[in-house]
Amino acid sequence: MAKQPEALATFAASARNAGRKPKDIGLAATPETEAIPTDPKKKVDAATKVLREGVFHKDQGADAAVDALPDRTRDVGRKR
């Protein structure tokens, strides 16, 4: 079964296409919309820090943790 495109990747591609979803993006992922391999532990760590900042209203290092994750909108020409 073909993998589905990531939602954020679809939004990013739409933003680069004058706000319209490109015609080549359908129900199957394209090289532009396929999942970016990311260590699940890093994603959990970032999510935990974001939630802790929301609860405690103190810096928990969320910005740095989120910035360490791949960002499809920032890393358009990235190598995998």
PDB file of N, CA and C in Angstrom:
ATOM      1  N   MET A   1       0.840  -1.177   0.000  1.00  0.00           N
ATOM      2  CA  MET A   1       0.000   0.000   0.000  1.00  0.00           C
ATOM      3  C   MET A   1       0.888   1.243   0.000  1.00  0.00           C
ATOM      4  N   ALA A   2       0.549   2.191  -0.806  1.00  0.00           N
ATOM      5  CA  ALA A   2       1.327   3.431  -0.898  1.00  0.00           C
ATOM      6  C   ALA A   2       1.151   4.256   0.369  1.00  0.00           C
ATOM      7  N   LYS A   3       2.230   4.929   0.757  1.00  0.00           N
ATOM      8  CA  LYS A   3       2.162   5.785   1.940  1.00  0.00           C
ATOM      9  C   LYS A   3       1.455   7.081   1.591  1.00  0.00           C
ATOM     10  N   GLN A   4       0.712   7.599   2.549  1.00  0.00           N
ATOM     11  CA  GLN A   4       0.000   8.865   2.358  1.00  0.00           C
ATOM     12  C   GLN A   4       0.964  10.034   2.559  1.00  0.00           C
ATOM     13  N   PRO A   5       0.684  11.153   1.905  1.00  0.00           N
ATOM     14  CA  PRO A   5       1.517  12.327   2.124  1.00  0.00           C
ATOM     15  C   PRO A   5       1.284  12.905   3.517  1.00  0.00           C
ATOM     16  N   GLU A   6       2.332  13.502   4.080  1.00  0.00           N
ATOM     17  CA  GLU A   6       2.174  14.170   5.370  1.00  0.00           C
ATOM     18  C   GLU A   6       1.332  15.425   5.169  1.00  0.00           C
ATOM     19  N   ALA A   7       0.457  15.707   6.116  1.00  0.00           N
ATOM     20  CA  ALA A   7      -0.427  16.874   6.008  1.00  0.00           C
ATOM     21  C   ALA A   7       0.363  18.177   5.934  1.00  0.00           C
ATOM     22  N   LEU A   8       1.372  18.328   6.794  1.00  0.00           N
ATOM     23  CA  LEU A   8       2.149  19.565   6.777  1.00  0.00           C
ATOM     24  C   LEU A   8       2.920  19.723   5.471  1.00  0.00           C
ATOM     25  N   ALA A   9       3.348  18.603   4.900  1.00  0.00           N
ATOM     26  CA  ALA A   9       4.035  18.672   3.619  1.00  0.00           C
ATOM     27  C   ALA A   9       3.089  19.148   2.527  1.00  0.00           C
ATOM     28  N   THR A  10       1.855  18.702   2.595  1.00  0.00           N
ATOM     29  CA  THR A  10       0.855  19.136   1.624  1.00  0.00           C
ATOM     30  C   THR A  10       0.573  20.622   1.781  1.00  0.00           C
ATOM     31  N   PHE A  11       0.452  21.089   3.025  1.00  0.00           N
ATOM     32  CA  PHE A  11       0.239  22.522   3.264  1.00  0.00           C
ATOM     33  C   PHE A  11       1.419  23.341   2.755  1.00  0.00           C
ATOM     34  N   ALA A  12       2.638  22.870   3.011  1.00  0.00           N
ATOM     35  CA  ALA A  12       3.833  23.590   2.564  1.00  0.00           C
ATOM     36  C   ALA A  12       3.892  23.644   1.038  1.00  0.00           C
ATOM     37  N   ALA A  13       3.574  22.527   0.387  1.00  0.00           N
ATOM     38  CA  ALA A  13       3.576  22.506  -1.076  1.00  0.00           C
ATOM     39  C   ALA A  13       2.504  23.449  -1.624  1.00  0.00           C
ATOM     40  N   SER A  14       1.368  23.507  -0.957  1.00  0.00           N
ATOM     41  CA  SER A  14       0.304  24.420  -1.379  1.00  0.00           C
ATOM     42  C   SER A  14       0.744  25.873  -1.226  1.00  0.00           C
ATOM     43  N   ALA A  15       1.428  26.162  -0.140  1.00  0.00           N
ATOM     44  CA  ALA A  15       1.908  27.532   0.085  1.00  0.00           C
ATOM     45  C   ALA A  15       2.893  27.952  -1.001  1.00  0.00           C
ATOM     46  N   ARG A  16       3.698  27.002  -1.458  1.00  0.00           N
ATOM     47  CA  ARG A  16       4.668  27.315  -2.527  1.00  0.00           C
ATOM     48  C   ARG A  16       4.005  27.351  -3.902  1.00  0.00           C
ATOM     49  N   ASN A  17       2.727  26.969  -3.971  1.00  0.00           N
ATOM     50  CA  ASN A  17       2.005  26.906  -5.241  1.00  0.00           C
ATOM     51  C   ASN A  17       0.822  27.879  -5.222  1.00  0.00           C
ATOM     52  N   ALA A  18       1.057  29.091  -4.762  1.00  0.00           N
ATOM     53  CA  ALA A  18       0.029  30.148  -4.738  1.00  0.00           C
ATOM     54  C   ALA A  18      -1.227  29.732  -3.976  1.00  0.00           C
ATOM     55  N   GLY A  19      -1.051  28.919  -2.921  1.00  0.00           N
ATOM     56  CA  GLY A  19      -2.189  28.554  -2.083  1.00  0.00           C
ATOM     57  C   GLY A  19      -3.048  27.424  -2.611  1.00  0.00           C
ATOM     58  N   ARG A  20      -2.645  26.801  -3.701  1.00  0.00           N
ATOM     59  CA  ARG A  20      -3.417  25.684  -4.257  1.00  0.00           C
ATOM     60  C   ARG A  20      -2.605  24.396  -4.167  1.00  0.00           C
ATOM     61  N   LYS A  21      -3.292  23.312  -3.847  1.00  0.00           N
ATOM     62  CA  LYS A  21      -2.610  22.024  -3.770  1.00  0.00           C
ATOM     63  C   LYS A  21      -2.119  21.636  -5.161  1.00  0.00           C
ATOM     64  N   PRO A  22      -0.825  21.326  -5.294  1.00  0.00           N
ATOM     65  CA  PRO A  22      -0.316  20.914  -6.605  1.00  0.00           C
ATOM     66  C   PRO A  22      -1.039  19.667  -7.120  1.00  0.00           C
ATOM     67  N   LYS A  23      -1.239  19.607  -8.415  1.00  0.00           N
ATOM     68  CA  LYS A  23      -1.996  18.502  -9.016  1.00  0.00           C
ATOM     69  C   LYS A  23      -1.323  17.153  -8.816  1.00  0.00           C
ATOM     70  N   ASP A  24       0.019  17.134  -8.655  1.00  0.00           N
ATOM     71  CA  ASP A  24       0.707  15.855  -8.505  1.00  0.00           C
ATOM     72  C   ASP A  24       0.603  15.290  -7.089  1.00  0.00           C
ATOM     73  N   ILE A  25       0.008  16.026  -6.163  1.00  0.00           N
ATOM     74  CA  ILE A  25      -0.175  15.526  -4.804  1.00  0.00           C
ATOM     75  C   ILE A  25      -1.581  14.946  -4.697  1.00  0.00           C
ATOM     76  N   GLY A  26      -1.619  13.654  -4.504  1.00  0.00           N
ATOM     77  CA  GLY A  26      -2.900  12.972  -4.371  1.00  0.00           C
ATOM     78  C   GLY A  26      -2.953  12.196  -3.078  1.00  0.00           C
ATOM     79  N   LEU A  27      -3.366  10.932  -3.160  1.00  0.00           N
ATOM     80  CA  LEU A  27      -3.484  10.109  -1.966  1.00  0.00           C
ATOM     81  C   LEU A  27      -2.198   9.360  -1.640  1.00  0.00           C
ATOM     82  N   ALA A  28      -1.259   9.342  -2.570  1.00  0.00           N
ATOM     83  CA  ALA A  28       0.026   8.685  -2.327  1.00  0.00           C
ATOM     84  C   ALA A  28       1.119   9.746  -2.200  1.00  0.00           C
ATOM     85  N   ALA A  29       2.073   9.489  -1.332  1.00  0.00           N
ATOM     86  CA  ALA A  29       3.155  10.440  -1.094  1.00  0.00           C
ATOM     87  C   ALA A  29       4.038  10.577  -2.327  1.00  0.00           C
ATOM     88  N   THR A  30       4.515  11.783  -2.551  1.00  0.00           N
ATOM     89  CA  THR A  30       5.503  12.070  -3.588  1.00  0.00           C
ATOM     90  C   THR A  30       6.835  12.292  -2.871  1.00  0.00           C
ATOM     91  N   PRO A  31       7.946  12.392  -3.596  1.00  0.00           N
ATOM     92  CA  PRO A  31       9.215  12.679  -2.918  1.00  0.00           C
ATOM     93  C   PRO A  31       9.142  13.958  -2.076  1.00  0.00           C
ATOM     94  N   GLU A  32       8.325  14.915  -2.489  1.00  0.00           N
ATOM     95  CA  GLU A  32       8.195  16.166  -1.755  1.00  0.00           C
ATOM     96  C   GLU A  32       7.354  16.011  -0.487  1.00  0.00           C
ATOM     97  N   THR A  33       6.442  15.048  -0.473  1.00  0.00           N
ATOM     98  CA  THR A  33       5.513  14.933   0.658  1.00  0.00           C
ATOM     99  C   THR A  33       5.690  13.664   1.485  1.00  0.00           C
ATOM    100  N   GLU A  34       6.677  12.834   1.170  1.00  0.00           N
ATOM    101  CA  GLU A  34       6.868  11.628   1.965  1.00  0.00           C
ATOM    102  C   GLU A  34       7.407  11.989   3.348  1.00  0.00           C
ATOM    103  N   ALA A  35       7.250  11.076   4.268  1.00  0.00           N
ATOM    104  CA  ALA A  35       7.678  11.325   5.651  1.00  0.00           C
ATOM    105  C   ALA A  35       9.183  11.537   5.722  1.00  0.00           C
ATOM    106  N   ILE A  36       9.585  12.445   6.587  1.00  0.00           N
ATOM    107  CA  ILE A  36      11.004  12.683   6.832  1.00  0.00           C
ATOM    108  C   ILE A  36      11.411  11.784   7.992  1.00  0.00           C
ATOM    109  N   PRO A  37      12.417  10.939   7.790  1.00  0.00           N
ATOM    110  CA  PRO A  37      12.845  10.076   8.896  1.00  0.00           C
ATOM    111  C   PRO A  37      13.309  10.921  10.085  1.00  0.00           C
ATOM    112  N   THR A  38      12.715  10.685  11.225  1.00  0.00           N
ATOM    113  CA  THR A  38      13.040  11.433  12.434  1.00  0.00           C
ATOM    114  C   THR A  38      13.035  10.481  13.613  1.00  0.00           C
ATOM    115  N   ASP A  39      13.995  10.641  14.497  1.00  0.00           N
ATOM    116  CA  ASP A  39      14.068   9.820  15.695  1.00  0.00           C
ATOM    117  C   ASP A  39      12.834  10.085  16.553  1.00  0.00           C
ATOM    118  N   PRO A  40      12.017   9.063  16.817  1.00  0.00           N
ATOM    119  CA  PRO A  40      10.811   9.262  17.624  1.00  0.00           C
ATOM    120  C   PRO A  40      11.105   9.839  19.007  1.00  0.00           C
ATOM    121  N   LYS A  41      12.257   9.511  19.578  1.00  0.00           N
ATOM    122  CA  LYS A  41      12.610  10.029  20.900  1.00  0.00           C
ATOM    123  C   LYS A  41      12.761  11.548  20.858  1.00  0.00           C
ATOM    124  N   LYS A  42      13.290  12.081  19.752  1.00  0.00           N
ATOM    125  CA  LYS A  42      13.436  13.536  19.621  1.00  0.00           C
ATOM    126  C   LYS A  42      12.069  14.206  19.508  1.00  0.00           C
ATOM    127  N   LYS A  43      11.146  13.547  18.796  1.00  0.00           N
ATOM    128  CA  LYS A  43       9.797  14.113  18.672  1.00  0.00           C
ATOM    129  C   LYS A  43       9.078  14.109  20.016  1.00  0.00           C
ATOM    130  N   VAL A  44       9.219  13.022  20.772  1.00  0.00           N
ATOM    131  CA  VAL A  44       8.593  12.931  22.089  1.00  0.00           C
ATOM    132  C   VAL A  44       9.189  13.981  23.022  1.00  0.00           C
ATOM    133  N   ASP A  45      10.511  14.133  22.983  1.00  0.00           N
ATOM    134  CA  ASP A  45      11.183  15.116  23.831  1.00  0.00           C
ATOM    135  C   ASP A  45      10.685  16.527  23.520  1.00  0.00           C
ATOM    136  N   ALA A  46      10.607  16.856  22.237  1.00  0.00           N
ATOM    137  CA  ALA A  46      10.133  18.194  21.839  1.00  0.00           C
ATOM    138  C   ALA A  46       8.684  18.409  22.276  1.00  0.00           C
ATOM    139  N   ALA A  47       7.839  17.419  22.058  1.00  0.00           N
ATOM    140  CA  ALA A  47       6.425  17.549  22.442  1.00  0.00           C
ATOM    141  C   ALA A  47       6.282  17.709  23.949  1.00  0.00           C
ATOM    142  N   THR A  48       7.065  16.955  24.704  1.00  0.00           N
ATOM    143  CA  THR A  48       7.015  17.059  26.162  1.00  0.00           C
ATOM    144  C   THR A  48       7.409  18.448  26.622  1.00  0.00           C
ATOM    145  N   LYS A  49       8.469  18.992  26.036  1.00  0.00           N
ATOM    146  CA  LYS A  49       8.933  20.323  26.424  1.00  0.00           C
ATOM    147  C   LYS A  49       7.910  21.403  26.061  1.00  0.00           C
ATOM    148  N   VAL A  50       7.278  21.264  24.912  1.00  0.00           N
ATOM    149  CA  VAL A  50       6.242  22.231  24.514  1.00  0.00           C
ATOM    150  C   VAL A  50       5.079  22.189  25.510  1.00  0.00           C
ATOM    151  N   LEU A  51       4.629  20.994  25.852  1.00  0.00           N
ATOM    152  CA  LEU A  51       3.519  20.861  26.797  1.00  0.00           C
ATOM    153  C   LEU A  51       3.895  21.367  28.185  1.00  0.00           C
ATOM    154  N   ARG A  52       5.110  21.083  28.625  1.00  0.00           N
ATOM    155  CA  ARG A  52       5.553  21.557  29.953  1.00  0.00           C
ATOM    156  C   ARG A  52       5.597  23.083  29.992  1.00  0.00           C
ATOM    157  N   GLU A  53       6.037  23.707  28.892  1.00  0.00           N
ATOM    158  CA  GLU A  53       6.052  25.171  28.862  1.00  0.00           C
ATOM    159  C   GLU A  53       4.633  25.720  28.970  1.00  0.00           C
ATOM    160  N   GLY A  54       3.690  25.052  28.351  1.00  0.00           N
ATOM    161  CA  GLY A  54       2.310  25.492  28.422  1.00  0.00           C
ATOM    162  C   GLY A  54       1.727  25.363  29.816  1.00  0.00           C
ATOM    163  N   VAL A  55       2.148  24.338  30.531  1.00  0.00           N
ATOM    164  CA  VAL A  55       1.630  24.102  31.875  1.00  0.00           C
ATOM    165  C   VAL A  55       2.316  25.003  32.900  1.00  0.00           C
ATOM    166  N   PHE A  56       3.652  25.052  32.847  1.00  0.00           N
ATOM    167  CA  PHE A  56       4.404  25.763  33.882  1.00  0.00           C
ATOM    168  C   PHE A  56       4.696  27.224  33.550  1.00  0.00           C
ATOM    169  N   HIS A  57       4.450  27.621  32.308  1.00  0.00           N
ATOM    170  CA  HIS A  57       4.711  28.999  31.868  1.00  0.00           C
ATOM    171  C   HIS A  57       6.154  29.426  32.137  1.00  0.00           C
ATOM    172  N   LYS A  58       7.081  28.471  31.990  1.00  0.00           N
ATOM    173  CA  LYS A  58       8.515  28.727  32.145  1.00  0.00           C
ATOM    174  C   LYS A  58       9.240  28.013  31.021  1.00  0.00           C
ATOM    175  N   ASP A  59      10.397  28.559  30.659  1.00  0.00           N
ATOM    176  CA  ASP A  59      11.188  27.973  29.578  1.00  0.00           C
ATOM    177  C   ASP A  59      11.617  26.549  29.956  1.00  0.00           C
ATOM    178  N   GLN A  60      11.279  25.613  29.101  1.00  0.00           N
ATOM    179  CA  GLN A  60      11.649  24.211  29.296  1.00  0.00           C
ATOM    180  C   GLN A  60      12.551  23.721  28.162  1.00  0.00           C
ATOM    181  N   GLY A  61      12.986  24.643  27.283  1.00  0.00           N
ATOM    182  CA  GLY A  61      13.847  24.265  26.164  1.00  0.00           C
ATOM    183  C   GLY A  61      13.085  23.801  24.936  1.00  0.00           C
ATOM    184  N   ALA A  62      11.821  24.164  24.835  1.00  0.00           N
ATOM    185  CA  ALA A  62      10.998  23.711  23.711  1.00  0.00           C
ATOM    186  C   ALA A  62      11.485  24.275  22.383  1.00  0.00           C
ATOM    187  N   ASP A  63      11.865  25.545  22.354  1.00  0.00           N
ATOM    188  CA  ASP A  63      12.293  26.143  21.088  1.00  0.00           C
ATOM    189  C   ASP A  63      13.482  25.394  20.496  1.00  0.00           C
ATOM    190  N   ALA A  64      14.473  25.105  21.318  1.00  0.00           N
ATOM    191  CA  ALA A  64      15.660  24.390  20.834  1.00  0.00           C
ATOM    192  C   ALA A  64      15.308  22.971  20.404  1.00  0.00           C
ATOM    193  N   ALA A  65      14.441  22.305  21.166  1.00  0.00           N
ATOM    194  CA  ALA A  65      14.052  20.934  20.833  1.00  0.00           C
ATOM    195  C   ALA A  65      13.282  20.886  19.516  1.00  0.00           C
ATOM    196  N   VAL A  66      12.387  21.842  19.305  1.00  0.00           N
ATOM    197  CA  VAL A  66      11.615  21.892  18.059  1.00  0.00           C
ATOM    198  C   VAL A  66      12.530  22.257  16.889  1.00  0.00           C
ATOM    199  N   ASP A  67      13.440  23.196  17.103  1.00  0.00           N
ATOM    200  CA  ASP A  67      14.363  23.585  16.038  1.00  0.00           C
ATOM    201  C   ASP A  67      15.291  22.448  15.625  1.00  0.00           C
ATOM    202  N   ALA A  68      15.528  21.492  16.510  1.00  0.00           N
ATOM    203  CA  ALA A  68      16.392  20.352  16.202  1.00  0.00           C
ATOM    204  C   ALA A  68      15.698  19.322  15.308  1.00  0.00           C
ATOM    205  N   LEU A  69      14.366  19.416  15.199  1.00  0.00           N
ATOM    206  CA  LEU A  69      13.615  18.496  14.343  1.00  0.00           C
ATOM    207  C   LEU A  69      13.641  18.983  12.891  1.00  0.00           C
ATOM    208  N   PRO A  70      13.533  18.076  11.930  1.00  0.00           N
ATOM    209  CA  PRO A  70      13.471  18.506  10.533  1.00  0.00           C
ATOM    210  C   PRO A  70      12.225  19.355  10.280  1.00  0.00           C
ATOM    211  N   ASP A  71      12.385  20.384   9.483  1.00  0.00           N
ATOM    212  CA  ASP A  71      11.290  21.290   9.172  1.00  0.00           C
ATOM    213  C   ASP A  71      11.136  21.344   7.658  1.00  0.00           C
ATOM    214  N   ARG A  72      10.085  20.741   7.146  1.00  0.00           N
ATOM    215  CA  ARG A  72       9.877  20.661   5.708  1.00  0.00           C
ATOM    216  C   ARG A  72       9.770  22.039   5.064  1.00  0.00           C
ATOM    217  N   THR A  73       9.192  23.003   5.772  1.00  0.00           N
ATOM    218  CA  THR A  73       9.022  24.330   5.177  1.00  0.00           C
ATOM    219  C   THR A  73      10.330  25.098   5.140  1.00  0.00           C
ATOM    220  N   ARG A  74      11.262  24.753   6.021  1.00  0.00           N
ATOM    221  CA  ARG A  74      12.547  25.430   6.067  1.00  0.00           C
ATOM    222  C   ARG A  74      13.600  24.677   5.259  1.00  0.00           C
ATOM    223  N   ASP A  75      13.491  23.345   5.217  1.00  0.00           N
ATOM    224  CA  ASP A  75      14.511  22.502   4.600  1.00  0.00           C
ATOM    225  C   ASP A  75      14.059  21.967   3.246  1.00  0.00           C
ATOM    226  N   VAL A  76      13.585  22.847   2.382  1.00  0.00           N
ATOM    227  CA  VAL A  76      13.019  22.434   1.097  1.00  0.00           C
ATOM    228  C   VAL A  76      14.039  21.674   0.260  1.00  0.00           C
ATOM    229  N   GLY A  77      15.252  22.155   0.181  1.00  0.00           N
ATOM    230  CA  GLY A  77      16.266  21.515  -0.663  1.00  0.00           C
ATOM    231  C   GLY A  77      17.144  20.555   0.088  1.00  0.00           C
ATOM    232  N   ARG A  78      16.667  19.970   1.155  1.00  0.00           N
ATOM    233  CA  ARG A  78      17.490  19.137   2.012  1.00  0.00           C
ATOM    234  C   ARG A  78      17.879  17.826   1.342  1.00  0.00           C
ATOM    235  N   LYS A  79      18.946  17.239   1.832  1.00  0.00           N
ATOM    236  CA  LYS A  79      19.349  15.904   1.410  1.00  0.00           C
ATOM    237  C   LYS A  79      18.870  14.915   2.465  1.00  0.00           C
ATOM    238  N   ARG A  80      18.525  13.722   2.041  1.00  0.00           N
ATOM    239  CA  ARG A  80      18.050  12.714   2.993  1.00  0.00           C
ATOM    240  C   ARG A  80      19.129  11.730   3.278  1.00  0.00           C
TER     241      ARG A  80
END
